[in-house]
Amino acid sequence: MRSRLPALFALALPTSAGLAYLYFAGAPQRFILVNAAALAIGLLFAGLLRAPASMQVRRIVIIVMLAALFLPLVTGPTIDGVNRWLPLGPFQLHSGSLLLPPILALMTHHRNSMAPILLACIFAGLLQPDAAIGFAIVFAAVGLHDVTRDWRLGLVCILGFVAALVMAVRGNPPPQEFVERVLVSAGSFSLAMMSALFLSLVACSFLILRAIPAPRSTRFALAGSLFGFTILSLMNNYPSVLIGYGAAPILGYGLALGLAHTARDEEDEIDKVSASR
């Protein structure tokens, strides 16, 4: 269980800072309760889950999650021509931040399929449209390319960036308070709060990059996706993952951190395969 502590801290630090922000910024109590419940579930995911041992089962899980990424196009809701949320009773979960992190966590074991999987995610983002998926994939692909030197992932970076710009122009629903541009909002009433939120994200990224027991490719992909989600939330009206209101990214990264966990010998073997490419 001690090997899971970096993953637990990686999830808990920014989410806890986000809960403090919601409280001091005067967010509705329902927002705080939802994020707190999502954190509790996410910590269970990060602390207990493991990727399936069977390669075939992993492939099936990835295919199911990819299909779910397209599900908002069928189920709605549609807001200003945008379909990027999965309905769950009274809640609407942002499909990209819920599903992309665990997809990235499972891709490590399927080297030849990484580029096609990412392209499928980009296509889903184009249809929704959702620039958050686009930017998260671009920086995840940058991290993966840095580890694997796979030219196909370099191509994904280029195509993903162009697609993300198209998504950003097409999909701009009205901003939602306490969900989007949280760092900017926090800075308007407390520089200390903004600094705490920013440092919590930095700490989260560092723990993912350097401390969690996972292959380098997985760590770089997850940290890159977090950076992509965050940078877009500073530039436009997109969710501030982990620090703003929203259960989806908390559950998504909780799932990813659990699925990314590998034993040291398995981690070393996967990294050897990456280095040999």
Protein backbone atom coordinates (compact mmCIF):
# COMPACT_ATOMS: atom_id res chain seq x y z
CA MET A 1 0.00 0.00 0.00
CA ARG A 2 2.93 2.37 0.62
CA SER A 3 3.73 2.28 -3.08
CA ARG A 4 0.31 3.81 -3.72
CA LEU A 5 0.92 6.87 -1.53
CA PRO A 6 2.35 9.10 -4.31
CA ALA A 7 -0.75 8.44 -6.43
CA LEU A 8 -3.05 9.16 -3.48
CA PHE A 9 -1.26 12.44 -2.75
CA ALA A 10 -1.25 13.36 -6.46
CA LEU A 11 -5.04 13.18 -6.49
CA ALA A 12 -5.71 14.53 -3.01
CA LEU A 13 -3.54 17.68 -3.09
CA PRO A 14 -5.18 19.61 -5.97
CA THR A 15 -8.66 18.32 -5.19
CA SER A 16 -8.36 19.35 -1.54
CA ALA A 17 -7.06 22.77 -2.59
CA GLY A 18 -10.04 22.98 -4.93
CA LEU A 19 -12.43 22.16 -2.09
CA ALA A 20 -10.89 24.99 -0.05
CA TYR A 21 -11.34 27.33 -3.02
CA LEU A 22 -15.00 26.35 -3.43
CA TYR A 23 -15.63 26.97 0.28
CA PHE A 24 -13.92 30.36 0.52
CA ALA A 25 -15.25 31.54 -2.86
CA GLY A 26 -18.82 30.94 -1.69
CA ALA A 27 -19.71 28.07 -4.03
CA PRO A 28 -23.00 26.24 -3.39
CA GLN A 29 -22.68 23.55 -0.74
CA ARG A 30 -23.78 20.97 -3.30
CA PHE A 31 -20.60 21.64 -5.32
CA ILE A 32 -18.41 20.97 -2.29
CA LEU A 33 -20.26 17.77 -1.39
CA VAL A 34 -20.06 16.43 -4.97
CA ASN A 35 -16.31 17.06 -5.22
CA ALA A 36 -15.69 15.60 -1.75
CA ALA A 37 -17.62 12.44 -2.65
CA ALA A 38 -15.75 12.19 -5.97
CA LEU A 39 -12.44 12.54 -4.11
CA ALA A 40 -13.36 9.70 -1.74
CA ILE A 41 -14.26 7.44 -4.69
CA GLY A 42 -11.22 8.56 -6.68
CA LEU A 43 -8.90 7.72 -3.79
CA LEU A 44 -10.41 4.24 -3.64
CA PHE A 45 -9.75 3.85 -7.36
CA ALA A 46 -6.16 5.10 -7.03
CA GLY A 47 -5.50 2.97 -3.97
CA LEU A 48 -7.07 -0.32 -5.01
CA LEU A 49 -7.36 -0.65 -8.79
CA ARG A 50 -4.91 -2.38 -11.10
CA ALA A 51 -4.91 -2.85 -14.84
CA PRO A 52 -6.26 -6.24 -15.94
CA ALA A 53 -3.49 -8.82 -16.34
CA SER A 54 -4.88 -10.06 -19.64
CA MET A 55 -3.91 -8.10 -22.75
CA GLN A 56 -7.21 -9.07 -24.35
CA VAL A 57 -9.21 -7.73 -21.40
CA ARG A 58 -7.23 -4.47 -21.52
CA ARG A 59 -8.04 -4.10 -25.21
CA ILE A 60 -11.74 -4.64 -24.50
CA VAL A 61 -11.69 -2.03 -21.70
CA ILE A 62 -10.01 0.51 -23.98
CA ILE A 63 -12.56 -0.13 -26.75
CA VAL A 64 -15.45 0.30 -24.30
CA MET A 65 -14.03 3.59 -23.00
CA LEU A 66 -13.43 4.83 -26.54
CA ALA A 67 -17.05 4.03 -27.38
CA ALA A 68 -18.18 5.88 -24.25
CA LEU A 69 -16.23 8.92 -25.43
CA PHE A 70 -18.60 9.12 -28.42
CA LEU A 71 -21.69 8.50 -26.27
CA PRO A 72 -22.51 12.19 -25.59
CA LEU A 73 -23.23 12.56 -29.30
CA VAL A 74 -26.15 10.17 -28.79
CA THR A 75 -27.32 10.88 -25.25
CA GLY A 76 -26.75 14.62 -25.03
CA PRO A 77 -27.26 17.03 -23.42
CA THR A 78 -26.61 19.57 -26.15
CA ILE A 79 -25.69 23.11 -25.11
CA ASP A 80 -25.10 25.67 -27.87
CA GLY A 81 -24.37 22.87 -30.33
CA VAL A 82 -21.86 21.17 -28.02
CA ASN A 83 -22.19 17.53 -26.88
CA ARG A 84 -19.42 16.74 -24.42
CA TRP A 85 -21.23 15.57 -21.28
CA LEU A 86 -22.38 12.15 -20.11
CA PRO A 87 -25.69 12.26 -18.18
CA LEU A 88 -25.66 10.45 -14.85
CA GLY A 89 -28.95 11.09 -13.05
CA PRO A 90 -28.93 14.72 -11.93
CA PHE A 91 -25.24 15.11 -12.88
CA GLN A 92 -23.47 15.74 -16.16
CA LEU A 93 -19.94 14.33 -16.38
CA HIS A 94 -17.40 15.84 -18.76
CA SER A 95 -16.58 12.85 -20.96
CA GLY A 96 -13.05 13.92 -21.91
CA SER A 97 -11.68 14.38 -18.40
CA LEU A 98 -13.49 11.24 -17.19
CA LEU A 99 -12.36 8.84 -19.94
CA LEU A 100 -9.14 10.16 -21.47
CA PRO A 101 -6.89 9.68 -18.38
CA PRO A 102 -7.74 5.97 -17.90
CA ILE A 103 -7.41 5.39 -21.66
CA LEU A 104 -3.91 6.86 -21.49
CA ALA A 105 -3.06 4.72 -18.47
CA LEU A 106 -3.96 1.50 -20.30
CA MET A 107 -2.29 2.38 -23.62
CA THR A 108 1.22 1.72 -22.29
CA HIS A 109 0.83 -2.01 -22.89
CA HIS A 110 -0.27 -1.55 -26.51
CA ARG A 111 2.61 0.24 -28.23
CA ASN A 112 1.47 -0.21 -31.81
CA SER A 113 -2.06 0.96 -31.00
CA MET A 114 -1.23 4.20 -29.18
CA ALA A 115 -1.38 6.51 -32.20
CA PRO A 116 -4.68 5.06 -33.56
CA ILE A 117 -6.25 5.26 -30.09
CA LEU A 118 -5.24 8.90 -29.72
CA LEU A 119 -6.53 9.70 -33.21
CA ALA A 120 -9.88 8.13 -32.29
CA CYS A 121 -10.00 10.38 -29.20
CA ILE A 122 -9.21 13.42 -31.35
CA PHE A 123 -12.03 12.47 -33.72
CA ALA A 124 -14.43 12.28 -30.76
CA GLY A 125 -13.27 15.73 -29.66
CA LEU A 126 -13.88 17.12 -33.14
CA LEU A 127 -17.43 15.78 -33.23
CA GLN A 128 -18.40 17.04 -29.75
CA PRO A 129 -16.50 19.55 -30.19
CA ASP A 130 -14.17 19.69 -27.16
CA ALA A 131 -10.83 21.48 -27.35
CA ALA A 132 -9.99 20.21 -23.85
CA ILE A 133 -9.64 16.69 -25.30
CA GLY A 134 -7.54 18.09 -28.13
CA PHE A 135 -5.05 19.97 -25.95
CA ALA A 136 -4.82 17.13 -23.44
CA ILE A 137 -4.01 14.67 -26.24
CA VAL A 138 -1.44 16.99 -27.82
CA PHE A 139 0.61 17.25 -24.62
CA ALA A 140 0.07 13.58 -23.75
CA ALA A 141 1.42 12.69 -27.20
CA VAL A 142 4.38 15.01 -26.66
CA GLY A 143 5.20 13.10 -23.48
CA LEU A 144 4.75 9.73 -25.16
CA HIS A 145 6.93 10.76 -28.10
CA ASP A 146 9.66 11.93 -25.73
CA VAL A 147 9.77 8.43 -24.22
CA THR A 148 9.18 6.21 -27.27
CA ARG A 149 10.52 8.33 -30.18
CA ASP A 150 7.68 6.88 -32.23
CA TRP A 151 7.21 9.03 -35.37
CA ARG A 152 3.50 8.19 -35.37
CA LEU A 153 3.08 9.97 -32.04
CA GLY A 154 4.88 13.00 -33.47
CA LEU A 155 2.29 13.04 -36.25
CA VAL A 156 -0.48 12.82 -33.61
CA CYS A 157 1.00 15.93 -31.94
CA ILE A 158 0.75 17.90 -35.19
CA LEU A 159 -2.70 16.67 -36.19
CA GLY A 160 -3.96 17.02 -32.64
CA PHE A 161 -2.82 20.63 -32.40
CA VAL A 162 -4.56 21.60 -35.65
CA ALA A 163 -7.71 19.74 -34.58
CA ALA A 164 -7.64 21.39 -31.14
CA LEU A 165 -7.59 24.84 -32.73
CA VAL A 166 -10.63 23.90 -34.82
CA MET A 167 -12.41 22.58 -31.70
CA ALA A 168 -11.60 25.78 -29.77
CA VAL A 169 -13.17 27.94 -32.49
CA ARG A 170 -16.30 25.80 -32.87
CA GLY A 171 -17.28 25.01 -29.28
CA ASN A 172 -17.65 27.83 -26.77
CA PRO A 173 -20.66 27.45 -24.45
CA PRO A 174 -21.29 30.13 -21.80
CA PRO A 175 -18.79 30.09 -18.88
CA GLN A 176 -19.77 28.34 -15.65
CA GLU A 177 -18.70 29.85 -12.35
CA PHE A 178 -16.56 27.64 -10.07
CA VAL A 179 -16.02 25.19 -12.96
CA GLU A 180 -13.97 27.08 -15.51
CA ARG A 181 -10.97 29.43 -15.34
CA VAL A 182 -10.64 28.75 -11.63
CA LEU A 183 -7.06 30.02 -11.32
CA VAL A 184 -8.05 33.34 -12.90
CA SER A 185 -11.14 33.56 -10.69
CA ALA A 186 -9.19 32.75 -7.52
CA GLY A 187 -6.62 35.42 -8.32
CA SER A 188 -9.35 38.05 -8.45
CA PHE A 189 -10.11 37.67 -4.74
CA SER A 190 -7.02 36.05 -3.19
CA LEU A 191 -3.49 35.75 -4.55
CA ALA A 192 -2.74 33.29 -1.75
CA MET A 193 -5.58 31.03 -2.88
CA MET A 194 -4.47 31.25 -6.51
CA SER A 195 -0.91 30.38 -5.46
CA ALA A 196 -2.11 27.41 -3.39
CA LEU A 197 -4.15 26.07 -6.31
CA PHE A 198 -1.26 26.52 -8.73
CA LEU A 199 1.27 24.87 -6.41
CA SER A 200 -1.09 21.95 -5.80
CA LEU A 201 -1.23 21.32 -9.55
CA VAL A 202 2.55 21.57 -9.78
CA ALA A 203 2.90 19.07 -6.93
CA CYS A 204 0.40 16.75 -8.60
CA SER A 205 2.30 16.88 -11.89
CA PHE A 206 5.63 16.25 -10.13
CA LEU A 207 4.26 13.22 -8.28
CA ILE A 208 2.85 11.77 -11.49
CA LEU A 209 6.05 12.40 -13.40
CA ARG A 210 8.54 11.25 -10.79
CA ALA A 211 6.94 9.28 -7.99
CA ILE A 212 4.04 7.02 -8.96
CA PRO A 213 5.00 3.38 -9.69
CA ALA A 214 4.23 3.32 -13.41
CA PRO A 215 6.15 3.13 -16.70
CA ARG A 216 7.70 6.38 -17.94
CA SER A 217 5.40 6.49 -20.94
CA THR A 218 2.32 6.32 -18.70
CA ARG A 219 3.66 8.95 -16.31
CA PHE A 220 4.57 11.34 -19.12
CA ALA A 221 1.22 10.83 -20.87
CA LEU A 222 -0.82 11.49 -17.72
CA ALA A 223 1.24 14.54 -16.72
CA GLY A 224 0.99 15.87 -20.27
CA SER A 225 -2.77 15.47 -20.34
CA LEU A 226 -3.09 17.32 -17.02
CA PHE A 227 -0.99 20.16 -18.43
CA GLY A 228 -3.13 20.26 -21.58
CA PHE A 229 -6.40 20.43 -19.65
CA THR A 230 -4.97 23.13 -17.36
CA ILE A 231 -3.44 25.36 -20.02
CA LEU A 232 -6.68 25.45 -21.99
CA SER A 233 -8.67 26.36 -18.87
CA LEU A 234 -6.43 29.44 -18.56
CA MET A 235 -6.94 30.42 -22.19
CA ASN A 236 -10.67 29.86 -22.62
CA ASN A 237 -13.89 28.79 -20.91
CA TYR A 238 -13.01 25.16 -20.21
CA PRO A 239 -13.11 23.18 -16.95
CA SER A 240 -10.25 23.58 -14.49
CA VAL A 241 -9.61 19.90 -13.80
CA LEU A 242 -9.23 18.74 -10.17
CA ILE A 243 -9.33 22.26 -8.68
CA GLY A 244 -12.75 23.34 -9.97
CA TYR A 245 -16.22 21.95 -9.49
CA GLY A 246 -16.66 18.72 -11.40
CA ALA A 247 -16.58 15.06 -10.42
CA ALA A 248 -15.46 13.79 -13.85
CA PRO A 249 -11.73 14.72 -13.73
CA ILE A 250 -11.41 13.58 -10.10
CA LEU A 251 -12.88 10.19 -10.98
CA GLY A 252 -10.97 10.05 -14.27
CA TYR A 253 -7.55 10.67 -12.77
CA GLY A 254 -8.39 8.41 -9.83
CA LEU A 255 -9.11 5.62 -12.31
CA ALA A 256 -5.97 6.41 -14.27
CA LEU A 257 -3.68 6.42 -11.22
CA GLY A 258 -5.06 3.07 -10.12
CA LEU A 259 -4.81 1.48 -13.58
CA ALA A 260 -1.30 2.88 -14.06
CA HIS A 261 0.06 1.10 -10.98
CA THR A 262 2.60 -1.59 -11.87
CA ALA A 263 5.01 -3.76 -9.94
CA ARG A 264 8.63 -2.63 -10.17
CA ASP A 265 9.75 -5.56 -12.34
CA GLU A 266 6.86 -5.02 -14.78
CA GLU A 267 7.59 -1.29 -14.87
CA ASP A 268 11.25 -1.91 -15.68
CA GLU A 269 10.35 -4.36 -18.44
CA ILE A 270 7.95 -1.90 -20.10
CA ASP A 271 10.56 0.89 -19.92
CA LYS A 272 13.13 -1.41 -21.56
CA VAL A 273 10.74 -1.97 -24.45
CA SER A 274 10.29 1.82 -24.79
CA ALA A 275 14.04 2.42 -24.74
CA SER A 276 14.64 -0.19 -27.43
CA ARG A 277 12.35 1.56 -29.93
